[in-house]
Amino acid sequence: MQDRFAEKMGDAKARSDTRLLGDFTRIYCRGVHAGAPRTALASDGADLGIYGHRPPVVCAECAQLLRYAEKRRAYCPKDPKPFCSYCDTHCYTAEMRERMREVMRYAGPRSLLHGHAIDGVKHLIEGRRARTAAARAAAEPTDKES
């Protein structure tokens, strides 16, 4: 594990976001990849204890996605980190972005039944703020001198 990764994951928001990604990926994997063999996630984030005492138990495909997401979250160049869907800098490759979108669409509504109701409400509020900010930024005239 790199020191830089550990330093970035020292941020409470980064740890919280990564833990939530782990929970969502676990929900998705259990529902969509029900027949696949699953093991506890082995990753740098799990080694740091981001997921608590029990890392998510996921299949190999979901473990690969989650390890990738850990790195992308840790090394996000934006501070504060915006919603990925509203960001002008896409850290994920197109394939991984689509896979994560699929995970979020599946697990998001189901997460309410898995102890993430408050996270869901916060997400809706933050999403509205992000959309409003993006709309304002798009509507602002650019400062060009003639």
N, C-alpha and C. Protein backbone atom coordinates (compact mmCIF):
# COMPACT_ATOMS: atom_id res chain seq x y z
N MET A 1 0.84 -1.17 0.00
CA MET A 1 0.00 0.00 0.00
C MET A 1 0.89 1.24 0.00
N GLN A 2 0.45 2.24 -0.70
CA GLN A 2 1.22 3.47 -0.79
C GLN A 2 0.86 4.40 0.36
N ASP A 3 1.86 5.17 0.79
CA ASP A 3 1.63 6.14 1.86
C ASP A 3 0.63 7.20 1.42
N ARG A 4 0.69 7.56 0.16
CA ARG A 4 -0.23 8.59 -0.36
C ARG A 4 -1.67 8.12 -0.27
N PHE A 5 -1.92 6.85 -0.58
CA PHE A 5 -3.27 6.29 -0.48
C PHE A 5 -3.74 6.35 0.97
N ALA A 6 -2.89 5.92 1.89
CA ALA A 6 -3.24 5.93 3.31
C ALA A 6 -3.51 7.35 3.79
N GLU A 7 -2.72 8.31 3.32
CA GLU A 7 -2.92 9.70 3.70
C GLU A 7 -4.26 10.22 3.20
N LYS A 8 -4.58 9.94 1.94
CA LYS A 8 -5.85 10.40 1.36
C LYS A 8 -7.04 9.75 2.06
N MET A 9 -6.89 8.49 2.43
CA MET A 9 -7.98 7.78 3.10
C MET A 9 -8.08 8.15 4.58
N GLY A 10 -7.18 9.00 5.04
CA GLY A 10 -7.28 9.51 6.40
C GLY A 10 -8.40 10.53 6.55
N ASP A 11 -8.85 11.08 5.42
CA ASP A 11 -9.94 12.05 5.41
C ASP A 11 -11.26 11.34 5.72
N ALA A 12 -12.01 11.87 6.67
CA ALA A 12 -13.26 11.23 7.11
C ALA A 12 -14.27 11.08 5.96
N LYS A 13 -14.37 12.08 5.09
CA LYS A 13 -15.32 12.03 3.97
C LYS A 13 -14.92 10.94 2.98
N ALA A 14 -13.63 10.81 2.70
CA ALA A 14 -13.15 9.77 1.78
C ALA A 14 -13.44 8.39 2.36
N ARG A 15 -13.21 8.21 3.65
CA ARG A 15 -13.48 6.93 4.30
C ARG A 15 -14.97 6.62 4.25
N SER A 16 -15.79 7.61 4.54
CA SER A 16 -17.24 7.42 4.53
C SER A 16 -17.75 7.06 3.13
N ASP A 17 -17.26 7.79 2.12
CA ASP A 17 -17.66 7.51 0.73
C ASP A 17 -17.25 6.10 0.33
N THR A 18 -16.05 5.70 0.69
CA THR A 18 -15.54 4.38 0.32
C THR A 18 -16.31 3.29 1.05
N ARG A 19 -16.60 3.49 2.31
CA ARG A 19 -17.39 2.51 3.07
C ARG A 19 -18.77 2.34 2.44
N LEU A 20 -19.38 3.47 2.04
CA LEU A 20 -20.69 3.42 1.39
C LEU A 20 -20.62 2.67 0.06
N LEU A 21 -19.55 2.91 -0.71
CA LEU A 21 -19.36 2.16 -1.96
C LEU A 21 -19.27 0.66 -1.68
N GLY A 22 -18.58 0.31 -0.61
CA GLY A 22 -18.47 -1.10 -0.23
C GLY A 22 -19.82 -1.69 0.12
N ASP A 23 -20.63 -0.95 0.86
CA ASP A 23 -21.97 -1.43 1.22
C ASP A 23 -22.84 -1.59 -0.02
N PHE A 24 -22.79 -0.61 -0.91
CA PHE A 24 -23.59 -0.68 -2.13
C PHE A 24 -23.14 -1.85 -3.02
N THR A 25 -21.85 -2.04 -3.12
CA THR A 25 -21.33 -3.12 -3.94
C THR A 25 -21.74 -4.47 -3.36
N ARG A 26 -21.73 -4.58 -2.04
CA ARG A 26 -22.15 -5.82 -1.38
C ARG A 26 -23.63 -6.10 -1.68
N ILE A 27 -24.48 -5.08 -1.60
CA ILE A 27 -25.91 -5.24 -1.90
C ILE A 27 -26.09 -5.69 -3.34
N TYR A 28 -25.39 -5.04 -4.25
CA TYR A 28 -25.47 -5.38 -5.67
C TYR A 28 -25.00 -6.81 -5.92
N CYS A 29 -23.86 -7.16 -5.37
CA CYS A 29 -23.28 -8.48 -5.60
C CYS A 29 -24.20 -9.58 -5.08
N ARG A 30 -24.74 -9.36 -3.90
CA ARG A 30 -25.62 -10.37 -3.31
C ARG A 30 -26.88 -10.57 -4.16
N GLY A 31 -27.37 -9.48 -4.78
CA GLY A 31 -28.59 -9.58 -5.57
C GLY A 31 -28.37 -10.03 -7.00
N VAL A 32 -27.34 -9.52 -7.65
CA VAL A 32 -27.12 -9.78 -9.08
C VAL A 32 -26.22 -10.98 -9.31
N HIS A 33 -25.22 -11.17 -8.49
CA HIS A 33 -24.27 -12.27 -8.65
C HIS A 33 -24.48 -13.33 -7.56
N ALA A 34 -25.73 -13.65 -7.32
CA ALA A 34 -26.09 -14.55 -6.20
C ALA A 34 -25.40 -15.91 -6.29
N GLY A 35 -25.19 -16.44 -7.48
CA GLY A 35 -24.59 -17.76 -7.62
C GLY A 35 -23.07 -17.78 -7.65
N ALA A 36 -22.47 -16.61 -7.73
CA ALA A 36 -21.01 -16.54 -7.84
C ALA A 36 -20.34 -16.76 -6.48
N PRO A 37 -19.18 -17.41 -6.48
CA PRO A 37 -18.46 -17.57 -5.21
C PRO A 37 -17.97 -16.21 -4.72
N ARG A 38 -18.13 -15.96 -3.42
CA ARG A 38 -17.75 -14.66 -2.85
C ARG A 38 -16.79 -14.87 -1.69
N THR A 39 -15.90 -13.90 -1.54
CA THR A 39 -14.95 -13.90 -0.43
C THR A 39 -14.86 -12.48 0.12
N ALA A 40 -14.28 -12.36 1.29
CA ALA A 40 -14.08 -11.04 1.88
C ALA A 40 -13.11 -10.25 1.01
N LEU A 41 -13.40 -8.99 0.82
CA LEU A 41 -12.59 -8.13 -0.03
C LEU A 41 -11.17 -8.01 0.51
N ALA A 42 -10.22 -8.22 -0.36
CA ALA A 42 -8.81 -8.00 -0.03
C ALA A 42 -8.36 -6.79 -0.83
N SER A 43 -8.15 -5.68 -0.15
CA SER A 43 -7.76 -4.44 -0.83
C SER A 43 -6.99 -3.55 0.13
N ASP A 44 -6.43 -2.48 -0.41
CA ASP A 44 -5.73 -1.52 0.42
C ASP A 44 -6.69 -0.87 1.42
N GLY A 45 -7.90 -0.58 0.97
CA GLY A 45 -8.89 0.01 1.86
C GLY A 45 -9.27 -0.92 2.99
N ALA A 46 -9.42 -2.19 2.68
CA ALA A 46 -9.73 -3.17 3.72
C ALA A 46 -8.58 -3.29 4.70
N ASP A 47 -7.35 -3.25 4.19
CA ASP A 47 -6.17 -3.31 5.06
C ASP A 47 -6.11 -2.12 6.02
N LEU A 48 -6.62 -0.96 5.58
CA LEU A 48 -6.65 0.23 6.42
C LEU A 48 -7.80 0.21 7.43
N GLY A 49 -8.71 -0.73 7.28
CA GLY A 49 -9.85 -0.82 8.20
C GLY A 49 -10.99 0.10 7.84
N ILE A 50 -11.05 0.54 6.60
CA ILE A 50 -12.11 1.45 6.17
C ILE A 50 -13.49 0.81 6.33
N TYR A 51 -13.58 -0.48 6.12
CA TYR A 51 -14.86 -1.18 6.17
C TYR A 51 -15.17 -1.73 7.56
N GLY A 52 -14.38 -1.37 8.54
CA GLY A 52 -14.59 -1.89 9.88
C GLY A 52 -13.93 -3.25 10.03
N HIS A 53 -14.45 -4.05 10.92
CA HIS A 53 -13.86 -5.36 11.20
C HIS A 53 -14.19 -6.40 10.13
N ARG A 54 -15.25 -6.12 9.36
CA ARG A 54 -15.65 -7.09 8.34
C ARG A 54 -15.73 -6.42 6.97
N PRO A 55 -14.74 -6.65 6.12
CA PRO A 55 -14.82 -6.08 4.77
C PRO A 55 -15.98 -6.73 4.01
N PRO A 56 -16.48 -6.05 2.96
CA PRO A 56 -17.59 -6.61 2.19
C PRO A 56 -17.22 -7.98 1.60
N VAL A 57 -18.18 -8.86 1.58
CA VAL A 57 -18.00 -10.18 0.96
C VAL A 57 -18.61 -10.09 -0.43
N VAL A 58 -17.75 -10.14 -1.45
CA VAL A 58 -18.19 -9.93 -2.84
C VAL A 58 -17.50 -10.94 -3.76
N CYS A 59 -18.03 -11.05 -4.98
CA CYS A 59 -17.43 -11.92 -5.98
C CYS A 59 -16.18 -11.25 -6.56
N ALA A 60 -15.46 -11.96 -7.38
CA ALA A 60 -14.21 -11.44 -7.95
C ALA A 60 -14.45 -10.19 -8.82
N GLU A 61 -15.54 -10.21 -9.59
CA GLU A 61 -15.86 -9.07 -10.46
C GLU A 61 -16.15 -7.81 -9.65
N CYS A 62 -16.93 -7.96 -8.60
CA CYS A 62 -17.27 -6.82 -7.75
C CYS A 62 -16.07 -6.37 -6.93
N ALA A 63 -15.21 -7.30 -6.54
CA ALA A 63 -14.00 -6.95 -5.80
C ALA A 63 -13.10 -6.09 -6.68
N GLN A 64 -12.98 -6.44 -7.96
CA GLN A 64 -12.17 -5.66 -8.89
C GLN A 64 -12.73 -4.23 -9.00
N LEU A 65 -14.03 -4.11 -9.14
CA LEU A 65 -14.67 -2.80 -9.24
C LEU A 65 -14.45 -1.99 -7.97
N LEU A 66 -14.58 -2.62 -6.83
CA LEU A 66 -14.43 -1.91 -5.56
C LEU A 66 -12.99 -1.47 -5.31
N ARG A 67 -12.03 -2.30 -5.68
CA ARG A 67 -10.62 -1.89 -5.55
C ARG A 67 -10.33 -0.69 -6.45
N TYR A 68 -10.88 -0.72 -7.65
CA TYR A 68 -10.72 0.40 -8.59
C TYR A 68 -11.36 1.66 -8.02
N ALA A 69 -12.56 1.53 -7.46
CA ALA A 69 -13.27 2.68 -6.90
C ALA A 69 -12.54 3.27 -5.71
N GLU A 70 -11.92 2.42 -4.89
CA GLU A 70 -11.12 2.91 -3.76
C GLU A 70 -10.02 3.84 -4.25
N LYS A 71 -9.32 3.42 -5.27
CA LYS A 71 -8.20 4.21 -5.81
C LYS A 71 -8.71 5.52 -6.41
N ARG A 72 -9.79 5.43 -7.17
CA ARG A 72 -10.33 6.63 -7.81
C ARG A 72 -10.79 7.63 -6.75
N ARG A 73 -11.41 7.14 -5.69
CA ARG A 73 -11.88 8.04 -4.63
C ARG A 73 -10.70 8.66 -3.89
N ALA A 74 -9.72 7.87 -3.62
CA ALA A 74 -8.56 8.38 -2.88
C ALA A 74 -7.81 9.44 -3.67
N TYR A 75 -7.70 9.26 -4.97
CA TYR A 75 -6.89 10.16 -5.78
C TYR A 75 -7.71 11.19 -6.56
N CYS A 76 -8.95 11.41 -6.14
CA CYS A 76 -9.79 12.41 -6.81
C CYS A 76 -9.10 13.77 -6.73
N PRO A 77 -8.91 14.45 -7.88
CA PRO A 77 -8.19 15.72 -7.87
C PRO A 77 -9.02 16.89 -7.35
N LYS A 78 -10.31 16.70 -7.18
CA LYS A 78 -11.19 17.79 -6.74
C LYS A 78 -11.27 17.85 -5.22
N ASP A 79 -11.27 19.06 -4.69
CA ASP A 79 -11.43 19.25 -3.25
C ASP A 79 -12.26 20.50 -3.04
N PRO A 80 -13.47 20.40 -2.57
CA PRO A 80 -14.15 19.18 -2.13
C PRO A 80 -14.61 18.36 -3.32
N LYS A 81 -14.73 17.07 -3.10
CA LYS A 81 -15.10 16.15 -4.17
C LYS A 81 -16.57 16.34 -4.54
N PRO A 82 -16.85 16.61 -5.81
CA PRO A 82 -18.25 16.73 -6.25
C PRO A 82 -18.84 15.35 -6.54
N PHE A 83 -20.12 15.31 -6.83
CA PHE A 83 -20.74 14.08 -7.30
C PHE A 83 -20.06 13.73 -8.62
N CYS A 84 -19.73 12.49 -8.80
CA CYS A 84 -19.05 12.09 -10.03
C CYS A 84 -19.89 12.41 -11.26
N SER A 85 -21.20 12.27 -11.15
CA SER A 85 -22.06 12.50 -12.31
C SER A 85 -22.09 13.97 -12.73
N TYR A 86 -21.70 14.89 -11.84
CA TYR A 86 -21.69 16.30 -12.18
C TYR A 86 -20.28 16.85 -12.34
N CYS A 87 -19.30 16.00 -12.28
CA CYS A 87 -17.91 16.45 -12.32
C CYS A 87 -17.45 16.63 -13.76
N ASP A 88 -16.62 17.64 -13.99
CA ASP A 88 -16.08 17.87 -15.33
C ASP A 88 -14.85 17.02 -15.61
N THR A 89 -14.30 16.39 -14.59
CA THR A 89 -13.14 15.51 -14.73
C THR A 89 -13.58 14.09 -14.39
N HIS A 90 -13.63 13.23 -15.40
CA HIS A 90 -14.06 11.85 -15.13
C HIS A 90 -12.85 10.98 -14.81
N CYS A 91 -12.80 10.52 -13.57
CA CYS A 91 -11.68 9.70 -13.10
C CYS A 91 -11.82 8.25 -13.55
N TYR A 92 -13.06 7.80 -13.71
CA TYR A 92 -13.32 6.41 -14.08
C TYR A 92 -13.22 6.25 -15.59
N THR A 93 -12.78 5.08 -16.05
CA THR A 93 -12.86 4.78 -17.48
C THR A 93 -14.33 4.62 -17.83
N ALA A 94 -14.65 4.69 -19.09
CA ALA A 94 -16.05 4.59 -19.52
C ALA A 94 -16.68 3.27 -19.06
N GLU A 95 -15.93 2.17 -19.18
CA GLU A 95 -16.45 0.86 -18.78
C GLU A 95 -16.72 0.81 -17.28
N MET A 96 -15.77 1.28 -16.49
CA MET A 96 -15.93 1.24 -15.04
C MET A 96 -17.02 2.22 -14.58
N ARG A 97 -17.15 3.34 -15.25
CA ARG A 97 -18.19 4.30 -14.91
C ARG A 97 -19.56 3.67 -15.13
N GLU A 98 -19.71 2.94 -16.23
CA GLU A 98 -20.98 2.28 -16.51
C GLU A 98 -21.26 1.17 -15.50
N ARG A 99 -20.24 0.42 -15.12
CA ARG A 99 -20.42 -0.63 -14.11
C ARG A 99 -20.82 -0.04 -12.77
N MET A 100 -20.19 1.06 -12.37
CA MET A 100 -20.54 1.69 -11.10
C MET A 100 -21.95 2.28 -11.16
N ARG A 101 -22.31 2.83 -12.30
CA ARG A 101 -23.67 3.36 -12.46
C ARG A 101 -24.69 2.24 -12.28
N GLU A 102 -24.39 1.07 -12.82
CA GLU A 102 -25.27 -0.09 -12.69
C GLU A 102 -25.39 -0.50 -11.21
N VAL A 103 -24.27 -0.52 -10.50
CA VAL A 103 -24.28 -0.85 -9.07
C VAL A 103 -25.13 0.15 -8.31
N MET A 104 -24.95 1.44 -8.57
CA MET A 104 -25.69 2.47 -7.85
C MET A 104 -27.18 2.40 -8.15
N ARG A 105 -27.53 2.15 -9.39
CA ARG A 105 -28.95 2.07 -9.75
C ARG A 105 -29.63 0.88 -9.08
N TYR A 106 -28.91 -0.20 -8.96
CA TYR A 106 -29.48 -1.39 -8.32
C TYR A 106 -29.51 -1.22 -6.80
N ALA A 107 -28.38 -0.84 -6.23
CA ALA A 107 -28.25 -0.83 -4.77
C ALA A 107 -28.86 0.40 -4.11
N GLY A 108 -28.93 1.51 -4.80
CA GLY A 108 -29.45 2.74 -4.20
C GLY A 108 -30.82 2.57 -3.55
N PRO A 109 -31.82 2.16 -4.31
CA PRO A 109 -33.15 1.99 -3.71
C PRO A 109 -33.18 0.90 -2.63
N ARG A 110 -32.42 -0.14 -2.82
CA ARG A 110 -32.40 -1.25 -1.85
C ARG A 110 -31.62 -0.91 -0.58
N SER A 111 -30.76 0.11 -0.68
CA SER A 111 -29.95 0.48 0.48
C SER A 111 -30.81 1.00 1.63
N LEU A 112 -31.98 1.51 1.33
CA LEU A 112 -32.88 1.99 2.38
C LEU A 112 -33.26 0.86 3.33
N LEU A 113 -33.32 -0.35 2.81
CA LEU A 113 -33.67 -1.52 3.62
C LEU A 113 -32.46 -2.10 4.35
N HIS A 114 -31.28 -1.56 4.06
CA HIS A 114 -30.04 -2.08 4.65
C HIS A 114 -29.35 -1.04 5.55
N GLY A 115 -30.15 -0.17 6.15
CA GLY A 115 -29.60 0.77 7.11
C GLY A 115 -29.01 2.05 6.54
N HIS A 116 -29.37 2.41 5.32
CA HIS A 116 -28.81 3.60 4.71
C HIS A 116 -29.88 4.64 4.38
N ALA A 117 -30.94 4.68 5.15
CA ALA A 117 -32.01 5.64 4.90
C ALA A 117 -31.52 7.08 5.06
N ILE A 118 -30.77 7.35 6.11
CA ILE A 118 -30.25 8.70 6.33
C ILE A 118 -29.27 9.07 5.23
N ASP A 119 -28.41 8.12 4.85
CA ASP A 119 -27.48 8.38 3.74
C ASP A 119 -28.24 8.70 2.46
N GLY A 120 -29.36 8.02 2.24
CA GLY A 120 -30.17 8.27 1.05
C GLY A 120 -30.75 9.68 1.03
N VAL A 121 -31.25 10.12 2.16
CA VAL A 121 -31.80 11.48 2.25
C VAL A 121 -30.70 12.51 2.05
N LYS A 122 -29.55 12.30 2.68
CA LYS A 122 -28.41 13.21 2.49
C LYS A 122 -28.01 13.25 1.01
N HIS A 123 -28.01 12.10 0.37
CA HIS A 123 -27.64 12.01 -1.04
C HIS A 123 -28.61 12.82 -1.91
N LEU A 124 -29.90 12.70 -1.61
CA LEU A 124 -30.89 13.46 -2.39
C LEU A 124 -30.68 14.96 -2.22
N ILE A 125 -30.43 15.40 -1.00
CA ILE A 125 -30.21 16.82 -0.74
C ILE A 125 -28.94 17.31 -1.43
N GLU A 126 -27.85 16.56 -1.27
CA GLU A 126 -26.59 16.93 -1.91
C GLU A 126 -26.72 16.92 -3.43
N GLY A 127 -27.49 15.97 -3.96
CA GLY A 127 -27.71 15.89 -5.40
C GLY A 127 -28.44 17.10 -5.93
N ARG A 128 -29.45 17.54 -5.19
CA ARG A 128 -30.19 18.75 -5.60
C ARG A 128 -29.25 19.96 -5.59
N ARG A 129 -28.44 20.07 -4.56
CA ARG A 129 -27.49 21.18 -4.48
C ARG A 129 -26.50 21.14 -5.64
N ALA A 130 -26.02 19.95 -5.95
CA ALA A 130 -25.04 19.80 -7.03
C ALA A 130 -25.66 20.15 -8.38
N ARG A 131 -26.90 19.71 -8.62
CA ARG A 131 -27.59 20.04 -9.86
C ARG A 131 -27.82 21.54 -9.98
N THR A 132 -28.23 22.17 -8.88
CA THR A 132 -28.46 23.61 -8.88
C THR A 132 -27.17 24.36 -9.16
N ALA A 133 -26.09 23.95 -8.51
CA ALA A 133 -24.80 24.60 -8.72
C ALA A 133 -24.32 24.42 -10.16
N ALA A 134 -24.51 23.22 -10.72
CA ALA A 134 -24.10 22.97 -12.10
C ALA A 134 -24.93 23.81 -13.06
N ALA A 135 -26.23 23.95 -12.79
CA ALA A 135 -27.09 24.76 -13.66
C ALA A 135 -26.70 26.23 -13.58
N ARG A 136 -26.38 26.71 -12.39
CA ARG A 136 -25.96 28.10 -12.24
C ARG A 136 -24.64 28.35 -12.97
N ALA A 137 -23.73 27.43 -12.85
CA ALA A 137 -22.42 27.58 -13.50
C ALA A 137 -22.58 27.59 -15.02
N ALA A 138 -23.49 26.79 -15.53
CA ALA A 138 -23.71 26.73 -16.98
C ALA A 138 -24.41 28.00 -17.48
N ALA A 139 -25.24 28.61 -16.63
CA ALA A 139 -26.00 29.79 -17.04
C ALA A 139 -25.21 31.08 -16.91
N GLU A 140 -24.12 31.08 -16.13
CA GLU A 140 -23.33 32.29 -15.95
C GLU A 140 -22.62 32.68 -17.23
N PRO A 141 -22.67 33.96 -17.56
CA PRO A 141 -21.93 34.39 -18.76
C PRO A 141 -20.43 34.35 -18.47
N THR A 142 -19.69 34.04 -19.48
CA THR A 142 -18.22 33.99 -19.32
C THR A 142 -17.68 35.40 -19.37
N ASP A 143 -16.59 35.63 -18.66
CA ASP A 143 -15.96 36.95 -18.65
C ASP A 143 -14.96 37.02 -19.81
N LYS A 144 -15.41 37.65 -20.88
CA LYS A 144 -14.55 37.84 -22.05
C LYS A 144 -14.41 39.32 -22.33
N GLU A 145 -13.21 39.74 -22.47
CA GLU A 145 -13.00 41.13 -22.82
C GLU A 145 -12.83 41.23 -24.33
N SER A 146 -13.45 42.22 -24.88
CA SER A 146 -13.39 42.40 -26.33
C SER A 146 -12.18 43.14 -26.75
